[in-house]
Amino acid sequence: MQWILILILILVLCITLFTIQNATIIPISYLLGRANVPLALVIVVSVLVGAILGMLTSMESIFRMRRRLKQKEKELRKKVQSSKEREPKNTD
């Protein structure tokens, strides 16, 4: 538990230093206008949007794999059940 706290503190420190070093205000032009925002904010938002898009694109393959896994588990259960039914019963 202490290691997690230490890692969180290190991460917060790194983010704080990053923000201080990239505090320059830059102009951003977008569809509806223009705004002046800190460079650190632009970088952080860009990274977050990229991470979210990456997760969304990988979700399709994850769902496909889960569906296939459930199908294979169902097939395996049927095979195990049928093999149990075919086993000769030992009556000693």
PDB file of N, CA and C in Angstrom:
ATOM      1  N   MET A   1       0.823  -1.197   0.000  1.00  0.00           N
ATOM      2  CA  MET A   1       0.000   0.000   0.000  1.00  0.00           C
ATOM      3  C   MET A   1       0.864   1.256   0.000  1.00  0.00           C
ATOM      4  N   GLN A   2       1.976   1.204   0.701  1.00  0.00           N
ATOM      5  CA  GLN A   2       2.866   2.362   0.738  1.00  0.00           C
ATOM      6  C   GLN A   2       3.480   2.629  -0.632  1.00  0.00           C
ATOM      7  N   TRP A   3       3.757   1.543  -1.387  1.00  0.00           N
ATOM      8  CA  TRP A   3       4.348   1.722  -2.713  1.00  0.00           C
ATOM      9  C   TRP A   3       3.384   2.450  -3.636  1.00  0.00           C
ATOM     10  N   ILE A   4       2.112   2.157  -3.507  1.00  0.00           N
ATOM     11  CA  ILE A   4       1.123   2.825  -4.344  1.00  0.00           C
ATOM     12  C   ILE A   4       1.074   4.313  -4.011  1.00  0.00           C
ATOM     13  N   LEU A   5       1.113   4.631  -2.732  1.00  0.00           N
ATOM     14  CA  LEU A   5       1.105   6.029  -2.305  1.00  0.00           C
ATOM     15  C   LEU A   5       2.350   6.754  -2.826  1.00  0.00           C
ATOM     16  N   ILE A   6       3.489   6.105  -2.735  1.00  0.00           N
ATOM     17  CA  ILE A   6       4.741   6.704  -3.225  1.00  0.00           C
ATOM     18  C   ILE A   6       4.661   6.935  -4.731  1.00  0.00           C
ATOM     19  N   LEU A   7       4.134   5.957  -5.487  1.00  0.00           N
ATOM     20  CA  LEU A   7       4.006   6.115  -6.935  1.00  0.00           C
ATOM     21  C   LEU A   7       3.039   7.242  -7.297  1.00  0.00           C
ATOM     22  N   ILE A   8       1.964   7.359  -6.547  1.00  0.00           N
ATOM     23  CA  ILE A   8       1.002   8.446  -6.794  1.00  0.00           C
ATOM     24  C   ILE A   8       1.654   9.797  -6.519  1.00  0.00           C
ATOM     25  N   LEU A   9       2.411   9.892  -5.450  1.00  0.00           N
ATOM     26  CA  LEU A   9       3.099  11.153  -5.134  1.00  0.00           C
ATOM     27  C   LEU A   9       4.121  11.512  -6.212  1.00  0.00           C
ATOM     28  N   ILE A  10       4.848  10.522  -6.704  1.00  0.00           N
ATOM     29  CA  ILE A  10       5.824  10.768  -7.774  1.00  0.00           C
ATOM     30  C   ILE A  10       5.107  11.236  -9.037  1.00  0.00           C
ATOM     31  N   LEU A  11       3.974  10.601  -9.353  1.00  0.00           N
ATOM     32  CA  LEU A  11       3.209  10.993 -10.528  1.00  0.00           C
ATOM     33  C   LEU A  11       2.686  12.417 -10.399  1.00  0.00           C
ATOM     34  N   VAL A  12       2.171  12.771  -9.237  1.00  0.00           N
ATOM     35  CA  VAL A  12       1.686  14.137  -9.003  1.00  0.00           C
ATOM     36  C   VAL A  12       2.829  15.137  -9.119  1.00  0.00           C
ATOM     37  N   LEU A  13       3.983  14.800  -8.598  1.00  0.00           N
ATOM     38  CA  LEU A  13       5.144  15.675  -8.706  1.00  0.00           C
ATOM     39  C   LEU A  13       5.544  15.886 -10.164  1.00  0.00           C
ATOM     40  N   CYS A  14       5.566  14.806 -10.938  1.00  0.00           N
ATOM     41  CA  CYS A  14       5.920  14.908 -12.357  1.00  0.00           C
ATOM     42  C   CYS A  14       4.915  15.768 -13.114  1.00  0.00           C
ATOM     43  N   ILE A  15       3.642  15.582 -12.844  1.00  0.00           N
ATOM     44  CA  ILE A  15       2.608  16.379 -13.508  1.00  0.00           C
ATOM     45  C   ILE A  15       2.744  17.848 -13.125  1.00  0.00           C
ATOM     46  N   THR A  16       3.025  18.107 -11.855  1.00  0.00           N
ATOM     47  CA  THR A  16       3.205  19.491 -11.400  1.00  0.00           C
ATOM     48  C   THR A  16       4.395  20.143 -12.089  1.00  0.00           C
ATOM     49  N   LEU A  17       5.517  19.435 -12.145  1.00  0.00           N
ATOM     50  CA  LEU A  17       6.702  19.979 -12.824  1.00  0.00           C
ATOM     51  C   LEU A  17       6.431  20.204 -14.310  1.00  0.00           C
ATOM     52  N   PHE A  18       5.737  19.258 -14.944  1.00  0.00           N
ATOM     53  CA  PHE A  18       5.392  19.390 -16.353  1.00  0.00           C
ATOM     54  C   PHE A  18       4.538  20.632 -16.576  1.00  0.00           C
ATOM     55  N   THR A  19       3.573  20.846 -15.716  1.00  0.00           N
ATOM     56  CA  THR A  19       2.677  21.992 -15.851  1.00  0.00           C
ATOM     57  C   THR A  19       3.426  23.301 -15.661  1.00  0.00           C
ATOM     58  N   ILE A  20       4.320  23.341 -14.703  1.00  0.00           N
ATOM     59  CA  ILE A  20       5.108  24.565 -14.455  1.00  0.00           C
ATOM     60  C   ILE A  20       6.006  24.881 -15.644  1.00  0.00           C
ATOM     61  N   GLN A  21       6.629  23.854 -16.213  1.00  0.00           N
ATOM     62  CA  GLN A  21       7.548  24.067 -17.331  1.00  0.00           C
ATOM     63  C   GLN A  21       6.822  24.415 -18.626  1.00  0.00           C
ATOM     64  N   ASN A  22       5.555  24.050 -18.739  1.00  0.00           N
ATOM     65  CA  ASN A  22       4.800  24.306 -19.963  1.00  0.00           C
ATOM     66  C   ASN A  22       3.620  25.241 -19.712  1.00  0.00           C
ATOM     67  N   ALA A  23       3.861  26.281 -18.944  1.00  0.00           N
ATOM     68  CA  ALA A  23       2.800  27.223 -18.588  1.00  0.00           C
ATOM     69  C   ALA A  23       2.600  28.316 -19.631  1.00  0.00           C
ATOM     70  N   THR A  24       3.366  28.290 -20.693  1.00  0.00           N
ATOM     71  CA  THR A  24       3.255  29.305 -21.738  1.00  0.00           C
ATOM     72  C   THR A  24       1.848  29.302 -22.338  1.00  0.00           C
ATOM     73  N   ILE A  25       1.299  30.491 -22.509  1.00  0.00           N
ATOM     74  CA  ILE A  25      -0.023  30.635 -23.114  1.00  0.00           C
ATOM     75  C   ILE A  25       0.145  30.639 -24.631  1.00  0.00           C
ATOM     76  N   ILE A  26      -0.641  29.773 -25.313  1.00  0.00           N
ATOM     77  CA  ILE A  26      -0.564  29.712 -26.775  1.00  0.00           C
ATOM     78  C   ILE A  26      -1.965  29.911 -27.354  1.00  0.00           C
ATOM     79  N   PRO A  27      -2.029  30.480 -28.563  1.00  0.00           N
ATOM     80  CA  PRO A  27      -3.341  30.654 -29.206  1.00  0.00           C
ATOM     81  C   PRO A  27      -3.775  29.344 -29.871  1.00  0.00           C
ATOM     82  N   ILE A  28      -5.031  28.988 -29.703  1.00  0.00           N
ATOM     83  CA  ILE A  28      -5.606  27.796 -30.329  1.00  0.00           C
ATOM     84  C   ILE A  28      -6.770  28.254 -31.199  1.00  0.00           C
ATOM     85  N   SER A  29      -6.747  27.881 -32.459  1.00  0.00           N
ATOM     86  CA  SER A  29      -7.860  28.171 -33.361  1.00  0.00           C
ATOM     87  C   SER A  29      -8.687  26.903 -33.514  1.00  0.00           C
ATOM     88  N   TYR A  30      -9.980  27.036 -33.378  1.00  0.00           N
ATOM     89  CA  TYR A  30     -10.878  25.905 -33.550  1.00  0.00           C
ATOM     90  C   TYR A  30     -12.047  26.354 -34.413  1.00  0.00           C
ATOM     91  N   LEU A  31     -12.976  25.454 -34.647  1.00  0.00           N
ATOM     92  CA  LEU A  31     -14.057  25.689 -35.597  1.00  0.00           C
ATOM     93  C   LEU A  31     -14.849  26.962 -35.309  1.00  0.00           C
ATOM     94  N   LEU A  32     -15.154  27.219 -34.049  1.00  0.00           N
ATOM     95  CA  LEU A  32     -16.012  28.350 -33.710  1.00  0.00           C
ATOM     96  C   LEU A  32     -15.269  29.598 -33.255  1.00  0.00           C
ATOM     97  N   GLY A  33     -13.971  29.573 -33.229  1.00  0.00           N
ATOM     98  CA  GLY A  33     -13.268  30.764 -32.794  1.00  0.00           C
ATOM     99  C   GLY A  33     -11.813  30.518 -32.462  1.00  0.00           C
ATOM    100  N   ARG A  34     -11.362  31.262 -31.468  1.00  0.00           N
ATOM    101  CA  ARG A  34      -9.957  31.237 -31.089  1.00  0.00           C
ATOM    102  C   ARG A  34      -9.874  31.408 -29.571  1.00  0.00           C
ATOM    103  N   ALA A  35      -8.875  30.754 -28.957  1.00  0.00           N
ATOM    104  CA  ALA A  35      -8.714  30.877 -27.513  1.00  0.00           C
ATOM    105  C   ALA A  35      -7.237  30.851 -27.169  1.00  0.00           C
ATOM    106  N   ASN A  36      -6.894  31.454 -26.053  1.00  0.00           N
ATOM    107  CA  ASN A  36      -5.540  31.402 -25.527  1.00  0.00           C
ATOM    108  C   ASN A  36      -5.543  30.494 -24.312  1.00  0.00           C
ATOM    109  N   VAL A  37      -4.778  29.399 -24.388  1.00  0.00           N
ATOM    110  CA  VAL A  37      -4.748  28.410 -23.307  1.00  0.00           C
ATOM    111  C   VAL A  37      -3.301  28.015 -23.011  1.00  0.00           C
ATOM    112  N   PRO A  38      -3.050  27.510 -21.805  1.00  0.00           N
ATOM    113  CA  PRO A  38      -1.698  27.061 -21.471  1.00  0.00           C
ATOM    114  C   PRO A  38      -1.295  25.840 -22.312  1.00  0.00           C
ATOM    115  N   LEU A  39      -0.049  25.800 -22.696  1.00  0.00           N
ATOM    116  CA  LEU A  39       0.480  24.690 -23.495  1.00  0.00           C
ATOM    117  C   LEU A  39       0.292  23.356 -22.775  1.00  0.00           C
ATOM    118  N   ALA A  40       0.489  23.333 -21.469  1.00  0.00           N
ATOM    119  CA  ALA A  40       0.339  22.096 -20.702  1.00  0.00           C
ATOM    120  C   ALA A  40      -1.076  21.541 -20.840  1.00  0.00           C
ATOM    121  N   LEU A  41      -2.064  22.417 -20.829  1.00  0.00           N
ATOM    122  CA  LEU A  41      -3.453  21.981 -20.974  1.00  0.00           C
ATOM    123  C   LEU A  41      -3.680  21.352 -22.347  1.00  0.00           C
ATOM    124  N   VAL A  42      -3.129  21.958 -23.375  1.00  0.00           N
ATOM    125  CA  VAL A  42      -3.269  21.416 -24.727  1.00  0.00           C
ATOM    126  C   VAL A  42      -2.641  20.022 -24.800  1.00  0.00           C
ATOM    127  N   ILE A  43      -1.471  19.859 -24.225  1.00  0.00           N
ATOM    128  CA  ILE A  43      -0.771  18.573 -24.263  1.00  0.00           C
ATOM    129  C   ILE A  43      -1.555  17.519 -23.477  1.00  0.00           C
ATOM    130  N   VAL A  44      -1.986  17.861 -22.273  1.00  0.00           N
ATOM    131  CA  VAL A  44      -2.704  16.898 -21.429  1.00  0.00           C
ATOM    132  C   VAL A  44      -4.022  16.481 -22.085  1.00  0.00           C
ATOM    133  N   VAL A  45      -4.764  17.443 -22.609  1.00  0.00           N
ATOM    134  CA  VAL A  45      -6.030  17.117 -23.266  1.00  0.00           C
ATOM    135  C   VAL A  45      -5.783  16.249 -24.498  1.00  0.00           C
ATOM    136  N   SER A  46      -4.751  16.546 -25.253  1.00  0.00           N
ATOM    137  CA  SER A  46      -4.426  15.744 -26.435  1.00  0.00           C
ATOM    138  C   SER A  46      -4.081  14.311 -26.055  1.00  0.00           C
ATOM    139  N   VAL A  47      -3.316  14.139 -25.003  1.00  0.00           N
ATOM    140  CA  VAL A  47      -2.958  12.794 -24.546  1.00  0.00           C
ATOM    141  C   VAL A  47      -4.201  12.044 -24.073  1.00  0.00           C
ATOM    142  N   LEU A  48      -5.057  12.717 -23.315  1.00  0.00           N
ATOM    143  CA  LEU A  48      -6.287  12.076 -22.828  1.00  0.00           C
ATOM    144  C   LEU A  48      -7.211  11.671 -23.978  1.00  0.00           C
ATOM    145  N   VAL A  49      -7.385  12.550 -24.946  1.00  0.00           N
ATOM    146  CA  VAL A  49      -8.228  12.229 -26.103  1.00  0.00           C
ATOM    147  C   VAL A  49      -7.632  11.050 -26.866  1.00  0.00           C
ATOM    148  N   GLY A  50      -6.330  11.042 -27.049  1.00  0.00           N
ATOM    149  CA  GLY A  50      -5.670   9.928 -27.728  1.00  0.00           C
ATOM    150  C   GLY A  50      -5.837   8.616 -26.981  1.00  0.00           C
ATOM    151  N   ALA A  51      -5.715   8.657 -25.660  1.00  0.00           N
ATOM    152  CA  ALA A  51      -5.883   7.442 -24.856  1.00  0.00           C
ATOM    153  C   ALA A  51      -7.313   6.929 -24.933  1.00  0.00           C
ATOM    154  N   ILE A  52      -8.278   7.835 -24.872  1.00  0.00           N
ATOM    155  CA  ILE A  52      -9.685   7.433 -24.956  1.00  0.00           C
ATOM    156  C   ILE A  52      -9.983   6.826 -26.325  1.00  0.00           C
ATOM    157  N   LEU A  53      -9.501   7.456 -27.388  1.00  0.00           N
ATOM    158  CA  LEU A  53      -9.721   6.909 -28.729  1.00  0.00           C
ATOM    159  C   LEU A  53      -9.054   5.543 -28.889  1.00  0.00           C
ATOM    160  N   GLY A  54      -7.868   5.394 -28.330  1.00  0.00           N
ATOM    161  CA  GLY A  54      -7.195   4.096 -28.383  1.00  0.00           C
ATOM    162  C   GLY A  54      -7.974   3.017 -27.651  1.00  0.00           C
ATOM    163  N   MET A  55      -8.507   3.354 -26.486  1.00  0.00           N
ATOM    164  CA  MET A  55      -9.301   2.383 -25.728  1.00  0.00           C
ATOM    165  C   MET A  55     -10.580   2.029 -26.474  1.00  0.00           C
ATOM    166  N   LEU A  56     -11.219   3.016 -27.076  1.00  0.00           N
ATOM    167  CA  LEU A  56     -12.456   2.753 -27.806  1.00  0.00           C
ATOM    168  C   LEU A  56     -12.221   1.852 -29.008  1.00  0.00           C
ATOM    169  N   THR A  57     -11.119   2.059 -29.709  1.00  0.00           N
ATOM    170  CA  THR A  57     -10.844   1.218 -30.869  1.00  0.00           C
ATOM    171  C   THR A  57     -10.483  -0.202 -30.465  1.00  0.00           C
ATOM    172  N   SER A  58      -9.896  -0.384 -29.303  1.00  0.00           N
ATOM    173  CA  SER A  58      -9.549  -1.737 -28.867  1.00  0.00           C
ATOM    174  C   SER A  58     -10.736  -2.453 -28.233  1.00  0.00           C
ATOM    175  N   MET A  59     -11.781  -1.720 -27.846  1.00  0.00           N
ATOM    176  CA  MET A  59     -12.939  -2.343 -27.211  1.00  0.00           C
ATOM    177  C   MET A  59     -13.627  -3.334 -28.148  1.00  0.00           C
ATOM    178  N   GLU A  60     -13.674  -3.044 -29.435  1.00  0.00           N
ATOM    179  CA  GLU A  60     -14.317  -3.942 -30.387  1.00  0.00           C
ATOM    180  C   GLU A  60     -13.647  -5.306 -30.382  1.00  0.00           C
ATOM    181  N   SER A  61     -12.329  -5.314 -30.427  1.00  0.00           N
ATOM    182  CA  SER A  61     -11.629  -6.603 -30.436  1.00  0.00           C
ATOM    183  C   SER A  61     -11.757  -7.314 -29.087  1.00  0.00           C
ATOM    184  N   ILE A  62     -11.813  -6.565 -28.012  1.00  0.00           N
ATOM    185  CA  ILE A  62     -11.989  -7.179 -26.690  1.00  0.00           C
ATOM    186  C   ILE A  62     -13.351  -7.849 -26.600  1.00  0.00           C
ATOM    187  N   PHE A  63     -14.414  -7.165 -27.062  1.00  0.00           N
ATOM    188  CA  PHE A  63     -15.749  -7.752 -27.032  1.00  0.00           C
ATOM    189  C   PHE A  63     -15.828  -8.975 -27.943  1.00  0.00           C
ATOM    190  N   ARG A  64     -15.176  -8.895 -29.100  1.00  0.00           N
ATOM    191  CA  ARG A  64     -15.171 -10.030 -30.014  1.00  0.00           C
ATOM    192  C   ARG A  64     -14.484 -11.233 -29.376  1.00  0.00           C
ATOM    193  N   MET A  65     -13.369 -11.001 -28.695  1.00  0.00           N
ATOM    194  CA  MET A  65     -12.653 -12.088 -28.026  1.00  0.00           C
ATOM    195  C   MET A  65     -13.480 -12.680 -26.883  1.00  0.00           C
ATOM    196  N   ARG A  66     -14.157 -11.843 -26.127  1.00  0.00           N
ATOM    197  CA  ARG A  66     -15.003 -12.343 -25.033  1.00  0.00           C
ATOM    198  C   ARG A  66     -16.147 -13.204 -25.578  1.00  0.00           C
ATOM    199  N   ARG A  67     -16.758 -12.748 -26.669  1.00  0.00           N
ATOM    200  CA  ARG A  67     -17.839 -13.511 -27.281  1.00  0.00           C
ATOM    201  C   ARG A  67     -17.334 -14.866 -27.762  1.00  0.00           C
ATOM    202  N   ARG A  68     -16.161 -14.872 -28.381  1.00  0.00           N
ATOM    203  CA  ARG A  68     -15.582 -16.125 -28.863  1.00  0.00           C
ATOM    204  C   ARG A  68     -15.223 -17.039 -27.691  1.00  0.00           C
ATOM    205  N   LEU A  69     -14.698 -16.466 -26.618  1.00  0.00           N
ATOM    206  CA  LEU A  69     -14.361 -17.254 -25.438  1.00  0.00           C
ATOM    207  C   LEU A  69     -15.606 -17.911 -24.853  1.00  0.00           C
ATOM    208  N   LYS A  70     -16.697 -17.160 -24.748  1.00  0.00           N
ATOM    209  CA  LYS A  70     -17.938 -17.737 -24.232  1.00  0.00           C
ATOM    210  C   LYS A  70     -18.436 -18.864 -25.129  1.00  0.00           C
ATOM    211  N   GLN A  71     -18.306 -18.678 -26.433  1.00  0.00           N
ATOM    212  CA  GLN A  71     -18.723 -19.707 -27.373  1.00  0.00           C
ATOM    213  C   GLN A  71     -17.874 -20.970 -27.197  1.00  0.00           C
ATOM    214  N   LYS A  72     -16.566 -20.807 -27.062  1.00  0.00           N
ATOM    215  CA  LYS A  72     -15.671 -21.951 -26.883  1.00  0.00           C
ATOM    216  C   LYS A  72     -15.924 -22.641 -25.546  1.00  0.00           C
ATOM    217  N   GLU A  73     -16.211 -21.868 -24.498  1.00  0.00           N
ATOM    218  CA  GLU A  73     -16.528 -22.469 -23.195  1.00  0.00           C
ATOM    219  C   GLU A  73     -17.807 -23.297 -23.285  1.00  0.00           C
ATOM    220  N   LYS A  74     -18.788 -22.783 -24.018  1.00  0.00           N
ATOM    221  CA  LYS A  74     -20.041 -23.516 -24.198  1.00  0.00           C
ATOM    222  C   LYS A  74     -19.787 -24.827 -24.953  1.00  0.00           C
ATOM    223  N   GLU A  75     -18.967 -24.762 -26.002  1.00  0.00           N
ATOM    224  CA  GLU A  75     -18.626 -25.968 -26.755  1.00  0.00           C
ATOM    225  C   GLU A  75     -17.895 -26.971 -25.869  1.00  0.00           C
ATOM    226  N   LEU A  76     -16.987 -26.488 -25.049  1.00  0.00           N
ATOM    227  CA  LEU A  76     -16.227 -27.364 -24.163  1.00  0.00           C
ATOM    228  C   LEU A  76     -17.153 -28.041 -23.150  1.00  0.00           C
ATOM    229  N   ARG A  77     -18.076 -27.273 -22.579  1.00  0.00           N
ATOM    230  CA  ARG A  77     -19.025 -27.861 -21.629  1.00  0.00           C
ATOM    231  C   ARG A  77     -19.852 -28.967 -22.286  1.00  0.00           C
ATOM    232  N   LYS A  78     -20.277 -28.735 -23.538  1.00  0.00           N
ATOM    233  CA  LYS A  78     -21.045 -29.757 -24.256  1.00  0.00           C
ATOM    234  C   LYS A  78     -20.209 -31.017 -24.469  1.00  0.00           C
ATOM    235  N   LYS A  79     -18.940 -30.852 -24.836  1.00  0.00           N
ATOM    236  CA  LYS A  79     -18.068 -32.004 -25.067  1.00  0.00           C
ATOM    237  C   LYS A  79     -17.816 -32.767 -23.773  1.00  0.00           C
ATOM    238  N   VAL A  80     -17.600 -32.033 -22.681  1.00  0.00           N
ATOM    239  CA  VAL A  80     -17.375 -32.691 -21.389  1.00  0.00           C
ATOM    240  C   VAL A  80     -18.626 -33.442 -20.971  1.00  0.00           C
ATOM    241  N   GLN A  81     -19.772 -32.825 -21.155  1.00  0.00           N
ATOM    242  CA  GLN A  81     -21.039 -33.462 -20.785  1.00  0.00           C
ATOM    243  C   GLN A  81     -21.270 -34.720 -21.614  1.00  0.00           C
ATOM    244  N   SER A  82     -21.007 -34.637 -22.908  1.00  0.00           N
ATOM    245  CA  SER A  82     -21.228 -35.807 -23.758  1.00  0.00           C
ATOM    246  C   SER A  82     -20.230 -36.911 -23.459  1.00  0.00           C
ATOM    247  N   SER A  83     -19.000 -36.548 -23.083  1.00  0.00           N
ATOM    248  CA  SER A  83     -18.020 -37.581 -22.740  1.00  0.00           C
ATOM    249  C   SER A  83     -18.374 -38.255 -21.419  1.00  0.00           C
ATOM    250  N   LYS A  84     -18.968 -37.504 -20.497  1.00  0.00           N
ATOM    251  CA  LYS A  84     -19.394 -38.084 -19.227  1.00  0.00           C
ATOM    252  C   LYS A  84     -20.553 -39.055 -19.453  1.00  0.00           C
ATOM    253  N   GLU A  85     -21.413 -38.708 -20.380  1.00  0.00           N
ATOM    254  CA  GLU A  85     -22.554 -39.576 -20.671  1.00  0.00           C
ATOM    255  C   GLU A  85     -22.122 -40.872 -21.346  1.00  0.00           C
ATOM    256  N   ARG A  86     -21.032 -40.834 -22.118  1.00  0.00           N
ATOM    257  CA  ARG A  86     -20.551 -42.021 -22.803  1.00  0.00           C
ATOM    258  C   ARG A  86     -19.710 -42.932 -21.930  1.00  0.00           C
ATOM    259  N   GLU A  87     -19.228 -42.425 -20.816  1.00  0.00           N
ATOM    260  CA  GLU A  87     -18.382 -43.235 -19.932  1.00  0.00           C
ATOM    261  C   GLU A  87     -19.189 -44.411 -19.394  1.00  0.00           C
ATOM    262  N   PRO A  88     -18.566 -45.611 -19.404  1.00  0.00           N
ATOM    263  CA  PRO A  88     -19.277 -46.748 -18.804  1.00  0.00           C
ATOM    264  C   PRO A  88     -19.343 -46.564 -17.291  1.00  0.00           C
ATOM    265  N   LYS A  89     -20.474 -46.918 -16.750  1.00  0.00           N
ATOM    266  CA  LYS A  89     -20.647 -46.776 -15.309  1.00  0.00           C
ATOM    267  C   LYS A  89     -20.075 -48.013 -14.630  1.00  0.00           C
ATOM    268  N   ASN A  90     -19.260 -47.754 -13.627  1.00  0.00           N
ATOM    269  CA  ASN A  90     -18.674 -48.854 -12.871  1.00  0.00           C
ATOM    270  C   ASN A  90     -19.635 -49.279 -11.783  1.00  0.00           C
ATOM    271  N   THR A  91     -20.087 -50.474 -11.884  1.00  0.00           N
ATOM    272  CA  THR A  91     -20.949 -51.013 -10.823  1.00  0.00           C
ATOM    273  C   THR A  91     -20.241 -52.197 -10.225  1.00  0.00           C
ATOM    274  N   ASP A  92     -19.599 -51.990  -9.158  1.00  0.00           N
ATOM    275  CA  ASP A  92     -18.825 -53.065  -8.495  1.00  0.00           C
ATOM    276  C   ASP A  92     -19.676 -53.879  -7.589  1.00  0.00           C
TER     277      ASP A  92
END
